[in-house]
Amino acid sequence: PNEIKVLGIEREYQECMNKTKHTFDKIRKKYPEQGQYVVNFAY
């Protein structure tokens, strides 16, 4: 959302999304269904 950028938290927001992707990519190899739990609403 644009307000995330204006509030000045875009870098932290990206860090959160990147952390999620890193975790999901690791989990999905063995547990593709369970991996869904970690994915953020923003994806």
PDB file of all heavy atoms in Angstrom:
ATOM      1  N   PRO A   1       0.833  -1.208   0.000  1.00  0.00           N
ATOM      2  CA  PRO A   1       0.000   0.000   0.000  1.00  0.00           C
ATOM      3  C   PRO A   1       0.867   1.258   0.000  1.00  0.00           C
ATOM      4  O   PRO A   1       1.946   1.280   0.620  1.00  0.00           O
ATOM      5  CB  PRO A   1      -0.795  -0.115   1.299  1.00  0.00           C
ATOM      6  CG  PRO A   1      -0.786  -1.574   1.628  1.00  0.00           C
ATOM      7  CD  PRO A   1       0.545  -2.076   1.152  1.00  0.00           C
ATOM      8  N   ASN A   2       0.407   2.281  -0.658  1.00  0.00           N
ATOM      9  CA  ASN A   2       1.175   3.518  -0.757  1.00  0.00           C
ATOM     10  C   ASN A   2       1.444   4.124   0.614  1.00  0.00           C
ATOM     11  O   ASN A   2       2.494   4.733   0.854  1.00  0.00           O
ATOM     12  CB  ASN A   2       0.430   4.530  -1.634  1.00  0.00           C
ATOM     13  CG  ASN A   2       1.273   5.745  -1.956  1.00  0.00           C
ATOM     14  OD1 ASN A   2       2.373   5.626  -2.501  1.00  0.00           O
ATOM     15  ND2 ASN A   2       0.778   6.920  -1.597  1.00  0.00           N
ATOM     16  N   GLU A   3       0.488   3.949   1.542  1.00  0.00           N
ATOM     17  CA  GLU A   3       0.650   4.516   2.890  1.00  0.00           C
ATOM     18  C   GLU A   3       1.834   3.901   3.627  1.00  0.00           C
ATOM     19  O   GLU A   3       2.434   4.552   4.496  1.00  0.00           O
ATOM     20  CB  GLU A   3      -0.634   4.298   3.711  1.00  0.00           C
ATOM     21  CG  GLU A   3      -1.820   5.118   3.259  1.00  0.00           C
ATOM     22  CD  GLU A   3      -2.612   4.463   2.139  1.00  0.00           C
ATOM     23  OE1 GLU A   3      -2.154   3.406   1.629  1.00  0.00           O
ATOM     24  OE2 GLU A   3      -3.675   4.989   1.773  1.00  0.00           O
ATOM     25  N   ILE A   4       2.183   2.670   3.298  1.00  0.00           N
ATOM     26  CA  ILE A   4       3.358   2.021   3.895  1.00  0.00           C
ATOM     27  C   ILE A   4       4.613   2.791   3.510  1.00  0.00           C
ATOM     28  O   ILE A   4       5.517   3.017   4.329  1.00  0.00           O
ATOM     29  CB  ILE A   4       3.469   0.555   3.424  1.00  0.00           C
ATOM     30  CG1 ILE A   4       2.301  -0.284   3.950  1.00  0.00           C
ATOM     31  CG2 ILE A   4       4.812  -0.055   3.807  1.00  0.00           C
ATOM     32  CD1 ILE A   4       2.326  -0.571   5.429  1.00  0.00           C
ATOM     33  N   LYS A   5       4.667   3.215   2.265  1.00  0.00           N
ATOM     34  CA  LYS A   5       5.815   3.983   1.769  1.00  0.00           C
ATOM     35  C   LYS A   5       5.853   5.365   2.422  1.00  0.00           C
ATOM     36  O   LYS A   5       6.900   5.819   2.876  1.00  0.00           O
ATOM     37  CB  LYS A   5       5.732   4.127   0.245  1.00  0.00           C
ATOM     38  CG  LYS A   5       5.720   2.800  -0.498  1.00  0.00           C
ATOM     39  CD  LYS A   5       5.456   3.000  -1.990  1.00  0.00           C
ATOM     40  CE  LYS A   5       5.329   1.665  -2.710  1.00  0.00           C
ATOM     41  NZ  LYS A   5       5.000   1.841  -4.144  1.00  0.00           N
ATOM     42  N   VAL A   6       4.704   6.036   2.466  1.00  0.00           N
ATOM     43  CA  VAL A   6       4.643   7.391   3.023  1.00  0.00           C
ATOM     44  C   VAL A   6       4.986   7.398   4.508  1.00  0.00           C
ATOM     45  O   VAL A   6       5.646   8.315   4.995  1.00  0.00           O
ATOM     46  CB  VAL A   6       3.242   8.005   2.790  1.00  0.00           C
ATOM     47  CG1 VAL A   6       3.151   9.389   3.436  1.00  0.00           C
ATOM     48  CG2 VAL A   6       2.939   8.111   1.299  1.00  0.00           C
ATOM     49  N   LEU A   7       4.561   6.359   5.207  1.00  0.00           N
ATOM     50  CA  LEU A   7       4.848   6.280   6.647  1.00  0.00           C
ATOM     51  C   LEU A   7       6.322   6.011   6.913  1.00  0.00           C
ATOM     52  O   LEU A   7       6.802   6.172   8.030  1.00  0.00           O
ATOM     53  CB  LEU A   7       3.979   5.188   7.286  1.00  0.00           C
ATOM     54  CG  LEU A   7       3.902   5.149   8.815  1.00  0.00           C
ATOM     55  CD1 LEU A   7       3.323   6.447   9.372  1.00  0.00           C
ATOM     56  CD2 LEU A   7       3.072   3.967   9.281  1.00  0.00           C
ATOM     57  N   GLY A   8       7.053   5.614   5.874  1.00  0.00           N
ATOM     58  CA  GLY A   8       8.492   5.395   6.015  1.00  0.00           C
ATOM     59  C   GLY A   8       8.870   4.024   6.518  1.00  0.00           C
ATOM     60  O   GLY A   8       9.960   3.848   7.085  1.00  0.00           O
ATOM     61  N   ILE A   9       7.997   3.043   6.313  1.00  0.00           N
ATOM     62  CA  ILE A   9       8.293   1.687   6.808  1.00  0.00           C
ATOM     63  C   ILE A   9       8.386   0.681   5.651  1.00  0.00           C
ATOM     64  O   ILE A   9       8.251  -0.521   5.863  1.00  0.00           O
ATOM     65  CB  ILE A   9       7.253   1.216   7.842  1.00  0.00           C
ATOM     66  CG1 ILE A   9       5.828   1.244   7.238  1.00  0.00           C
ATOM     67  CG2 ILE A   9       7.322   2.059   9.101  1.00  0.00           C
ATOM     68  CD1 ILE A   9       4.784   0.603   8.140  1.00  0.00           C
ATOM     69  N   GLU A  10       8.634   1.188   4.450  1.00  0.00           N
ATOM     70  CA  GLU A  10       8.694   0.292   3.300  1.00  0.00           C
ATOM     71  C   GLU A  10       9.836  -0.712   3.424  1.00  0.00           C
ATOM     72  O   GLU A  10       9.681  -1.885   3.065  1.00  0.00           O
ATOM     73  CB  GLU A  10       8.842   1.089   2.003  1.00  0.00           C
ATOM     74  CG  GLU A  10       8.781   0.217   0.750  1.00  0.00           C
ATOM     75  CD  GLU A  10       8.894   1.006  -0.535  1.00  0.00           C
ATOM     76  OE1 GLU A  10       9.226   2.213  -0.477  1.00  0.00           O
ATOM     77  OE2 GLU A  10       8.656   0.413  -1.599  1.00  0.00           O
ATOM     78  N   ARG A  11      10.970  -0.283   3.929  1.00  0.00           N
ATOM     79  CA  ARG A  11      12.119  -1.188   4.048  1.00  0.00           C
ATOM     80  C   ARG A  11      11.799  -2.331   5.010  1.00  0.00           C
ATOM     81  O   ARG A  11      12.084  -3.502   4.725  1.00  0.00           O
ATOM     82  CB  ARG A  11      13.348  -0.422   4.528  1.00  0.00           C
ATOM     83  CG  ARG A  11      14.622  -1.285   4.568  1.00  0.00           C
ATOM     84  CD  ARG A  11      15.818  -0.467   5.024  1.00  0.00           C
ATOM     85  NE  ARG A  11      15.644   0.047   6.370  1.00  0.00           N
ATOM     86  CZ  ARG A  11      15.839  -0.673   7.490  1.00  0.00           C
ATOM     87  NH1 ARG A  11      16.208  -1.947   7.401  1.00  0.00           N
ATOM     88  NH2 ARG A  11      15.674  -0.139   8.663  1.00  0.00           N
ATOM     89  N   GLU A  12      11.190  -2.013   6.153  1.00  0.00           N
ATOM     90  CA  GLU A  12      10.818  -3.045   7.118  1.00  0.00           C
ATOM     91  C   GLU A  12       9.738  -3.967   6.548  1.00  0.00           C
ATOM     92  O   GLU A  12       9.739  -5.174   6.781  1.00  0.00           O
ATOM     93  CB  GLU A  12      10.312  -2.408   8.417  1.00  0.00           C
ATOM     94  CG  GLU A  12      11.383  -1.652   9.197  1.00  0.00           C
ATOM     95  CD  GLU A  12      11.413  -0.169   8.838  1.00  0.00           C
ATOM     96  OE1 GLU A  12      11.084   0.161   7.671  1.00  0.00           O
ATOM     97  OE2 GLU A  12      11.758   0.637   9.716  1.00  0.00           O
ATOM     98  N   TYR A  13       8.833  -3.377   5.785  1.00  0.00           N
ATOM     99  CA  TYR A  13       7.756  -4.139   5.145  1.00  0.00           C
ATOM    100  C   TYR A  13       8.345  -5.157   4.162  1.00  0.00           C
ATOM    101  O   TYR A  13       7.970  -6.336   4.160  1.00  0.00           O
ATOM    102  CB  TYR A  13       6.826  -3.164   4.432  1.00  0.00           C
ATOM    103  CG  TYR A  13       5.555  -3.750   3.860  1.00  0.00           C
ATOM    104  CD1 TYR A  13       4.401  -3.857   4.640  1.00  0.00           C
ATOM    105  CD2 TYR A  13       5.480  -4.173   2.531  1.00  0.00           C
ATOM    106  CE1 TYR A  13       3.217  -4.367   4.123  1.00  0.00           C
ATOM    107  CE2 TYR A  13       4.309  -4.689   1.995  1.00  0.00           C
ATOM    108  CZ  TYR A  13       3.183  -4.775   2.795  1.00  0.00           C
ATOM    109  OH  TYR A  13       2.011  -5.280   2.268  1.00  0.00           O
ATOM    110  N   GLN A  14       9.298  -4.694   3.362  1.00  0.00           N
ATOM    111  CA  GLN A  14       9.971  -5.585   2.411  1.00  0.00           C
ATOM    112  C   GLN A  14      10.741  -6.685   3.143  1.00  0.00           C
ATOM    113  O   GLN A  14      10.749  -7.847   2.715  1.00  0.00           O
ATOM    114  CB  GLN A  14      10.927  -4.782   1.529  1.00  0.00           C
ATOM    115  CG  GLN A  14      10.235  -3.887   0.532  1.00  0.00           C
ATOM    116  CD  GLN A  14      11.205  -3.025  -0.252  1.00  0.00           C
ATOM    117  OE1 GLN A  14      12.377  -2.901   0.123  1.00  0.00           O
ATOM    118  NE2 GLN A  14      10.731  -2.407  -1.323  1.00  0.00           N
ATOM    119  N   GLU A  15      11.370  -6.306   4.257  1.00  0.00           N
ATOM    120  CA  GLU A  15      12.106  -7.292   5.054  1.00  0.00           C
ATOM    121  C   GLU A  15      11.168  -8.382   5.553  1.00  0.00           C
ATOM    122  O   GLU A  15      11.506  -9.576   5.533  1.00  0.00           O
ATOM    123  CB  GLU A  15      12.784  -6.601   6.245  1.00  0.00           C
ATOM    124  CG  GLU A  15      13.631  -7.548   7.090  1.00  0.00           C
ATOM    125  CD  GLU A  15      14.235  -6.865   8.314  1.00  0.00           C
ATOM    126  OE1 GLU A  15      14.042  -5.637   8.480  1.00  0.00           O
ATOM    127  OE2 GLU A  15      14.893  -7.571   9.106  1.00  0.00           O
ATOM    128  N   CYS A  16       9.980  -7.975   5.982  1.00  0.00           N
ATOM    129  CA  CYS A  16       8.984  -8.935   6.462  1.00  0.00           C
ATOM    130  C   CYS A  16       8.571  -9.886   5.337  1.00  0.00           C
ATOM    131  O   CYS A  16       8.537 -11.114   5.523  1.00  0.00           O
ATOM    132  CB  CYS A  16       7.756  -8.178   6.996  1.00  0.00           C
ATOM    133  SG  CYS A  16       6.422  -9.242   7.567  1.00  0.00           S
ATOM    134  N   MET A  17       8.281  -9.326   4.162  1.00  0.00           N
ATOM    135  CA  MET A  17       7.846 -10.152   3.027  1.00  0.00           C
ATOM    136  C   MET A  17       8.974 -11.088   2.554  1.00  0.00           C
ATOM    137  O   MET A  17       8.737 -12.255   2.221  1.00  0.00           O
ATOM    138  CB  MET A  17       7.379  -9.268   1.870  1.00  0.00           C
ATOM    139  CG  MET A  17       6.160  -8.423   2.187  1.00  0.00           C
ATOM    140  SD  MET A  17       4.727  -9.420   2.670  1.00  0.00           S
ATOM    141  CE  MET A  17       3.956  -8.329   3.887  1.00  0.00           C
ATOM    142  N   ASN A  18      10.198 -10.563   2.540  1.00  0.00           N
ATOM    143  CA  ASN A  18      11.339 -11.387   2.121  1.00  0.00           C
ATOM    144  C   ASN A  18      11.601 -12.527   3.097  1.00  0.00           C
ATOM    145  O   ASN A  18      11.957 -13.645   2.712  1.00  0.00           O
ATOM    146  CB  ASN A  18      12.594 -10.522   1.974  1.00  0.00           C
ATOM    147  CG  ASN A  18      12.495  -9.554   0.807  1.00  0.00           C
ATOM    148  OD1 ASN A  18      11.708  -9.766  -0.112  1.00  0.00           O
ATOM    149  ND2 ASN A  18      13.263  -8.482   0.849  1.00  0.00           N
ATOM    150  N   LYS A  19      11.426 -12.219   4.378  1.00  0.00           N
ATOM    151  CA  LYS A  19      11.621 -13.244   5.413  1.00  0.00           C
ATOM    152  C   LYS A  19      10.580 -14.347   5.238  1.00  0.00           C
ATOM    153  O   LYS A  19      10.893 -15.542   5.341  1.00  0.00           O
ATOM    154  CB  LYS A  19      11.501 -12.606   6.795  1.00  0.00           C
ATOM    155  CG  LYS A  19      11.893 -13.523   7.944  1.00  0.00           C
ATOM    156  CD  LYS A  19      11.867 -12.765   9.263  1.00  0.00           C
ATOM    157  CE  LYS A  19      12.399 -13.611  10.394  1.00  0.00           C
ATOM    158  NZ  LYS A  19      13.820 -13.967  10.258  1.00  0.00           N
ATOM    159  N   THR A  20       9.361 -13.940   4.959  1.00  0.00           N
ATOM    160  CA  THR A  20       8.293 -14.911   4.720  1.00  0.00           C
ATOM    161  C   THR A  20       8.623 -15.800   3.522  1.00  0.00           C
ATOM    162  O   THR A  20       8.487 -17.028   3.585  1.00  0.00           O
ATOM    163  CB  THR A  20       6.950 -14.196   4.468  1.00  0.00           C
ATOM    164  OG1 THR A  20       6.512 -13.569   5.675  1.00  0.00           O
ATOM    165  CG2 THR A  20       5.881 -15.171   3.998  1.00  0.00           C
ATOM    166  N   LYS A  21       9.068 -15.183   2.433  1.00  0.00           N
ATOM    167  CA  LYS A  21       9.374 -15.955   1.223  1.00  0.00           C
ATOM    168  C   LYS A  21      10.492 -16.954   1.490  1.00  0.00           C
ATOM    169  O   LYS A  21      10.433 -18.114   1.042  1.00  0.00           O
ATOM    170  CB  LYS A  21       9.757 -15.024   0.070  1.00  0.00           C
ATOM    171  CG  LYS A  21      10.070 -15.778  -1.223  1.00  0.00           C
ATOM    172  CD  LYS A  21      10.125 -14.885  -2.428  1.00  0.00           C
ATOM    173  CE  LYS A  21      10.450 -15.676  -3.688  1.00  0.00           C
ATOM    174  NZ  LYS A  21       9.511 -16.790  -3.946  1.00  0.00           N
ATOM    175  N   HIS A  22      11.532 -16.509   2.207  1.00  0.00           N
ATOM    176  CA  HIS A  22      12.648 -17.388   2.546  1.00  0.00           C
ATOM    177  C   HIS A  22      12.150 -18.607   3.334  1.00  0.00           C
ATOM    178  O   HIS A  22      12.524 -19.758   3.034  1.00  0.00           O
ATOM    179  CB  HIS A  22      13.679 -16.611   3.359  1.00  0.00           C
ATOM    180  CG  HIS A  22      14.768 -17.464   3.938  1.00  0.00           C
ATOM    181  ND1 HIS A  22      15.790 -17.988   3.179  1.00  0.00           N
ATOM    182  CD2 HIS A  22      14.978 -17.903   5.222  1.00  0.00           C
ATOM    183  CE1 HIS A  22      16.589 -18.702   3.956  1.00  0.00           C
ATOM    184  NE2 HIS A  22      16.116 -18.671   5.191  1.00  0.00           N
ATOM    185  N   THR A  23      11.298 -18.357   4.324  1.00  0.00           N
ATOM    186  CA  THR A  23      10.768 -19.442   5.162  1.00  0.00           C
ATOM    187  C   THR A  23       9.856 -20.352   4.356  1.00  0.00           C
ATOM    188  O   THR A  23       9.948 -21.585   4.441  1.00  0.00           O
ATOM    189  CB  THR A  23      10.006 -18.848   6.365  1.00  0.00           C
ATOM    190  OG1 THR A  23      10.901 -18.028   7.125  1.00  0.00           O
ATOM    191  CG2 THR A  23       9.444 -19.947   7.256  1.00  0.00           C
ATOM    192  N   PHE A  24       8.973 -19.744   3.580  1.00  0.00           N
ATOM    193  CA  PHE A  24       8.039 -20.539   2.777  1.00  0.00           C
ATOM    194  C   PHE A  24       8.776 -21.442   1.797  1.00  0.00           C
ATOM    195  O   PHE A  24       8.431 -22.629   1.642  1.00  0.00           O
ATOM    196  CB  PHE A  24       7.081 -19.615   2.020  1.00  0.00           C
ATOM    197  CG  PHE A  24       6.189 -20.350   1.062  1.00  0.00           C
ATOM    198  CD1 PHE A  24       5.071 -21.038   1.512  1.00  0.00           C
ATOM    199  CD2 PHE A  24       6.474 -20.378  -0.299  1.00  0.00           C
ATOM    200  CE1 PHE A  24       4.259 -21.741   0.636  1.00  0.00           C
ATOM    201  CE2 PHE A  24       5.672 -21.078  -1.187  1.00  0.00           C
ATOM    202  CZ  PHE A  24       4.548 -21.754  -0.717  1.00  0.00           C
ATOM    203  N   ASP A  25       9.772 -20.908   1.111  1.00  0.00           N
ATOM    204  CA  ASP A  25      10.507 -21.701   0.119  1.00  0.00           C
ATOM    205  C   ASP A  25      11.191 -22.907   0.754  1.00  0.00           C
ATOM    206  O   ASP A  25      11.350 -23.948   0.109  1.00  0.00           O
ATOM    207  CB  ASP A  25      11.535 -20.825  -0.604  1.00  0.00           C
ATOM    208  CG  ASP A  25      10.889 -19.884  -1.612  1.00  0.00           C
ATOM    209  OD1 ASP A  25       9.737 -20.146  -2.007  1.00  0.00           O
ATOM    210  OD2 ASP A  25      11.535 -18.879  -1.996  1.00  0.00           O
ATOM    211  N   LYS A  26      11.597 -22.766   2.000  1.00  0.00           N
ATOM    212  CA  LYS A  26      12.220 -23.897   2.689  1.00  0.00           C
ATOM    213  C   LYS A  26      11.182 -24.946   3.095  1.00  0.00           C
ATOM    214  O   LYS A  26      11.385 -26.141   2.912  1.00  0.00           O
ATOM    215  CB  LYS A  26      12.975 -23.408   3.933  1.00  0.00           C
ATOM    216  CG  LYS A  26      14.288 -22.710   3.607  1.00  0.00           C
ATOM    217  CD  LYS A  26      15.154 -22.614   4.846  1.00  0.00           C
ATOM    218  CE  LYS A  26      16.586 -22.194   4.454  1.00  0.00           C
ATOM    219  NZ  LYS A  26      17.491 -22.273   5.612  1.00  0.00           N
ATOM    220  N   ILE A  27      10.056 -24.467   3.635  1.00  0.00           N
ATOM    221  CA  ILE A  27       9.029 -25.382   4.128  1.00  0.00           C
ATOM    222  C   ILE A  27       8.342 -26.127   2.990  1.00  0.00           C
ATOM    223  O   ILE A  27       8.068 -27.324   3.082  1.00  0.00           O
ATOM    224  CB  ILE A  27       7.982 -24.615   4.971  1.00  0.00           C
ATOM    225  CG1 ILE A  27       8.614 -24.085   6.267  1.00  0.00           C
ATOM    226  CG2 ILE A  27       6.789 -25.501   5.297  1.00  0.00           C
ATOM    227  CD1 ILE A  27       7.692 -23.209   7.093  1.00  0.00           C
ATOM    228  N   ARG A  28       8.067 -25.425   1.893  1.00  0.00           N
ATOM    229  CA  ARG A  28       7.238 -25.984   0.820  1.00  0.00           C
ATOM    230  C   ARG A  28       7.824 -27.258   0.190  1.00  0.00           C
ATOM    231  O   ARG A  28       7.086 -28.093  -0.338  1.00  0.00           O
ATOM    232  CB  ARG A  28       6.994 -24.937  -0.270  1.00  0.00           C
ATOM    233  CG  ARG A  28       8.182 -24.744  -1.205  1.00  0.00           C
ATOM    234  CD  ARG A  28       7.999 -23.620  -2.196  1.00  0.00           C
ATOM    235  NE  ARG A  28       6.805 -23.722  -3.014  1.00  0.00           N
ATOM    236  CZ  ARG A  28       6.533 -22.871  -3.993  1.00  0.00           C
ATOM    237  NH1 ARG A  28       7.370 -21.868  -4.266  1.00  0.00           N
ATOM    238  NH2 ARG A  28       5.447 -23.006  -4.703  1.00  0.00           N
ATOM    239  N   LYS A  29       9.143 -27.394   0.231  1.00  0.00           N
ATOM    240  CA  LYS A  29       9.773 -28.561  -0.385  1.00  0.00           C
ATOM    241  C   LYS A  29       9.292 -29.857   0.255  1.00  0.00           C
ATOM    242  O   LYS A  29       9.120 -30.868  -0.420  1.00  0.00           O
ATOM    243  CB  LYS A  29      11.296 -28.444  -0.273  1.00  0.00           C
ATOM    244  CG  LYS A  29      11.879 -27.318  -1.116  1.00  0.00           C
ATOM    245  CD  LYS A  29      13.371 -27.176  -0.879  1.00  0.00           C
ATOM    246  CE  LYS A  29      13.943 -25.997  -1.665  1.00  0.00           C
ATOM    247  NZ  LYS A  29      15.394 -25.795  -1.391  1.00  0.00           N
ATOM    248  N   LYS A  30       9.040 -29.803   1.558  1.00  0.00           N
ATOM    249  CA  LYS A  30       8.581 -31.006   2.250  1.00  0.00           C
ATOM    250  C   LYS A  30       7.102 -30.924   2.622  1.00  0.00           C
ATOM    251  O   LYS A  30       6.393 -31.929   2.619  1.00  0.00           O
ATOM    252  CB  LYS A  30       9.411 -31.235   3.515  1.00  0.00           C
ATOM    253  CG  LYS A  30       9.089 -32.571   4.172  1.00  0.00           C
ATOM    254  CD  LYS A  30      10.080 -32.931   5.254  1.00  0.00           C
ATOM    255  CE  LYS A  30       9.786 -34.323   5.811  1.00  0.00           C
ATOM    256  NZ  LYS A  30      10.740 -34.709   6.866  1.00  0.00           N
ATOM    257  N   TYR A  31       6.643 -29.699   2.932  1.00  0.00           N
ATOM    258  CA  TYR A  31       5.264 -29.523   3.390  1.00  0.00           C
ATOM    259  C   TYR A  31       4.572 -28.408   2.587  1.00  0.00           C
ATOM    260  O   TYR A  31       4.373 -27.295   3.083  1.00  0.00           O
ATOM    261  CB  TYR A  31       5.231 -29.162   4.877  1.00  0.00           C
ATOM    262  CG  TYR A  31       5.897 -30.150   5.795  1.00  0.00           C
ATOM    263  CD1 TYR A  31       7.076 -29.821   6.473  1.00  0.00           C
ATOM    264  CD2 TYR A  31       5.341 -31.413   6.013  1.00  0.00           C
ATOM    265  CE1 TYR A  31       7.686 -30.723   7.326  1.00  0.00           C
ATOM    266  CE2 TYR A  31       5.941 -32.320   6.866  1.00  0.00           C
ATOM    267  CZ  TYR A  31       7.111 -31.971   7.524  1.00  0.00           C
ATOM    268  OH  TYR A  31       7.706 -32.872   8.371  1.00  0.00           O
ATOM    269  N   PRO A  32       4.196 -28.691   1.333  1.00  0.00           N
ATOM    270  CA  PRO A  32       3.583 -27.645   0.502  1.00  0.00           C
ATOM    271  C   PRO A  32       2.254 -27.121   1.050  1.00  0.00           C
ATOM    272  O   PRO A  32       1.970 -25.920   0.952  1.00  0.00           O
ATOM    273  CB  PRO A  32       3.393 -28.334  -0.855  1.00  0.00           C
ATOM    274  CG  PRO A  32       3.434 -29.801  -0.559  1.00  0.00           C
ATOM    275  CD  PRO A  32       4.361 -29.961   0.600  1.00  0.00           C
ATOM    276  N   GLU A  33       1.447 -28.006   1.641  1.00  0.00           N
ATOM    277  CA  GLU A  33       0.155 -27.567   2.186  1.00  0.00           C
ATOM    278  C   GLU A  33       0.368 -26.736   3.459  1.00  0.00           C
ATOM    279  O   GLU A  33      -0.213 -25.676   3.631  1.00  0.00           O
ATOM    280  CB  GLU A  33      -0.721 -28.786   2.504  1.00  0.00           C
ATOM    281  CG  GLU A  33      -1.106 -29.618   1.304  1.00  0.00           C
ATOM    282  CD  GLU A  33      -2.489 -29.293   0.766  1.00  0.00           C
ATOM    283  OE1 GLU A  33      -3.218 -28.521   1.412  1.00  0.00           O
ATOM    284  OE2 GLU A  33      -2.821 -29.810  -0.320  1.00  0.00           O
ATOM    285  N   GLN A  34       1.234 -27.223   4.347  1.00  0.00           N
ATOM    286  CA  GLN A  34       1.479 -26.519   5.608  1.00  0.00           C
ATOM    287  C   GLN A  34       2.220 -25.201   5.394  1.00  0.00           C
ATOM    288  O   GLN A  34       2.110 -24.281   6.203  1.00  0.00           O
ATOM    289  CB  GLN A  34       2.276 -27.416   6.559  1.00  0.00           C
ATOM    290  CG  GLN A  34       1.512 -28.611   7.104  1.00  0.00           C
ATOM    291  CD  GLN A  34       1.496 -29.789   6.150  1.00  0.00           C
ATOM    292  OE1 GLN A  34       1.932 -29.684   5.002  1.00  0.00           O
ATOM    293  NE2 GLN A  34       0.991 -30.935   6.612  1.00  0.00           N
ATOM    294  N   GLY A  35       2.985 -25.117   4.313  1.00  0.00           N
ATOM    295  CA  GLY A  35       3.721 -23.884   4.030  1.00  0.00           C
ATOM    296  C   GLY A  35       2.821 -22.676   3.879  1.00  0.00           C
ATOM    297  O   GLY A  35       3.237 -21.536   4.110  1.00  0.00           O
ATOM    298  N   GLN A  36       1.560 -22.903   3.528  1.00  0.00           N
ATOM    299  CA  GLN A  36       0.619 -21.790   3.343  1.00  0.00           C
ATOM    300  C   GLN A  36       0.458 -20.936   4.606  1.00  0.00           C
ATOM    301  O   GLN A  36       0.225 -19.728   4.519  1.00  0.00           O
ATOM    302  CB  GLN A  36      -0.760 -22.329   2.961  1.00  0.00           C
ATOM    303  CG  GLN A  36      -0.825 -23.052   1.631  1.00  0.00           C
ATOM    304  CD  GLN A  36      -2.219 -23.591   1.386  1.00  0.00           C
ATOM    305  OE1 GLN A  36      -3.022 -22.982   0.694  1.00  0.00           O
ATOM    306  NE2 GLN A  36      -2.518 -24.741   1.982  1.00  0.00           N
ATOM    307  N   TYR A  37       0.587 -21.579   5.757  1.00  0.00           N
ATOM    308  CA  TYR A  37       0.322 -20.880   7.016  1.00  0.00           C
ATOM    309  C   TYR A  37       1.200 -19.647   7.220  1.00  0.00           C
ATOM    310  O   TYR A  37       0.791 -18.679   7.852  1.00  0.00           O
ATOM    311  CB  TYR A  37       0.531 -21.832   8.200  1.00  0.00           C
ATOM    312  CG  TYR A  37      -0.546 -22.870   8.380  1.00  0.00           C
ATOM    313  CD1 TYR A  37      -0.243 -24.229   8.302  1.00  0.00           C
ATOM    314  CD2 TYR A  37      -1.855 -22.505   8.651  1.00  0.00           C
ATOM    315  CE1 TYR A  37      -1.221 -25.209   8.491  1.00  0.00           C
ATOM    316  CE2 TYR A  37      -2.849 -23.462   8.843  1.00  0.00           C
ATOM    317  CZ  TYR A  37      -2.524 -24.814   8.754  1.00  0.00           C
ATOM    318  OH  TYR A  37      -3.493 -25.761   8.939  1.00  0.00           O
ATOM    319  N   VAL A  38       2.410 -19.668   6.700  1.00  0.00           N
ATOM    320  CA  VAL A  38       3.350 -18.581   6.972  1.00  0.00           C
ATOM    321  C   VAL A  38       3.172 -17.395   6.022  1.00  0.00           C
ATOM    322  O   VAL A  38       3.672 -16.302   6.268  1.00  0.00           O
ATOM    323  CB  VAL A  38       4.807 -19.111   6.900  1.00  0.00           C
ATOM    324  CG1 VAL A  38       5.277 -19.236   5.454  1.00  0.00           C
ATOM    325  CG2 VAL A  38       5.757 -18.230   7.701  1.00  0.00           C
ATOM    326  N   VAL A  39       2.421 -17.590   4.931  1.00  0.00           N
ATOM    327  CA  VAL A  39       2.317 -16.571   3.885  1.00  0.00           C
ATOM    328  C   VAL A  39       1.436 -15.401   4.335  1.00  0.00           C
ATOM    329  O   VAL A  39       0.325 -15.599   4.833  1.00  0.00           O
ATOM    330  CB  VAL A  39       1.762 -17.172   2.580  1.00  0.00           C
ATOM    331  CG1 VAL A  39       1.683 -16.113   1.486  1.00  0.00           C
ATOM    332  CG2 VAL A  39       2.645 -18.335   2.124  1.00  0.00           C
ATOM    333  N   ASN A  40       1.908 -14.184   4.121  1.00  0.00           N
ATOM    334  CA  ASN A  40       1.185 -12.977   4.531  1.00  0.00           C
ATOM    335  C   ASN A  40       0.005 -12.672   3.608  1.00  0.00           C
ATOM    336  O   ASN A  40       0.004 -13.008   2.428  1.00  0.00           O
ATOM    337  CB  ASN A  40       2.111 -11.762   4.527  1.00  0.00           C
ATOM    338  CG  ASN A  40       3.361 -11.990   5.341  1.00  0.00           C
ATOM    339  OD1 ASN A  40       4.365 -12.416   4.809  1.00  0.00           O
ATOM    340  ND2 ASN A  40       3.295 -11.720   6.637  1.00  0.00           N
ATOM    341  N   PHE A  41      -0.988 -11.975   4.146  1.00  0.00           N
ATOM    342  CA  PHE A  41      -2.156 -11.562   3.370  1.00  0.00           C
ATOM    343  C   PHE A  41      -1.760 -10.710   2.164  1.00  0.00           C
ATOM    344  O   PHE A  41      -2.506 -10.628   1.183  1.00  0.00           O
ATOM    345  CB  PHE A  41      -3.111 -10.738   4.237  1.00  0.00           C
ATOM    346  CG  PHE A  41      -3.907 -11.533   5.238  1.00  0.00           C
ATOM    347  CD1 PHE A  41      -3.622 -12.859   5.518  1.00  0.00           C
ATOM    348  CD2 PHE A  41      -4.952 -10.933   5.921  1.00  0.00           C
ATOM    349  CE1 PHE A  41      -4.355 -13.574   6.444  1.00  0.00           C
ATOM    350  CE2 PHE A  41      -5.702 -11.634   6.849  1.00  0.00           C
ATOM    351  CZ  PHE A  41      -5.412 -12.960   7.115  1.00  0.00           C
ATOM    352  N   ALA A  42      -0.625 -10.033   2.221  1.00  0.00           N
ATOM    353  CA  ALA A  42      -0.218  -9.125   1.141  1.00  0.00           C
ATOM    354  C   ALA A  42       0.218  -9.865  -0.111  1.00  0.00           C
ATOM    355  O   ALA A  42       0.259  -9.283  -1.203  1.00  0.00           O
ATOM    356  CB  ALA A  42       0.914  -8.221   1.613  1.00  0.00           C
ATOM    357  N   TYR A  43       0.560 -11.146   0.017  1.00  0.00           N
ATOM    358  CA  TYR A  43       1.035 -11.895  -1.146  1.00  0.00           C
ATOM    359  C   TYR A  43      -0.099 -12.144  -2.134  1.00  0.00           C
ATOM    360  O   TYR A  43      -1.235 -12.432  -1.747  1.00  0.00           O
ATOM    361  CB  TYR A  43       1.681 -13.212  -0.718  1.00  0.00           C
ATOM    362  CG  TYR A  43       3.161 -13.048  -0.472  1.00  0.00           C
ATOM    363  CD1 TYR A  43       3.656 -12.862   0.810  1.00  0.00           C
ATOM    364  CD2 TYR A  43       4.059 -13.022  -1.538  1.00  0.00           C
ATOM    365  CE1 TYR A  43       5.024 -12.683   1.039  1.00  0.00           C
ATOM    366  CE2 TYR A  43       5.418 -12.843  -1.325  1.00  0.00           C
ATOM    367  CZ  TYR A  43       5.892 -12.667  -0.048  1.00  0.00           C
ATOM    368  OH  TYR A  43       7.241 -12.465   0.166  1.00  0.00           O
TER     369      TYR A  43
END
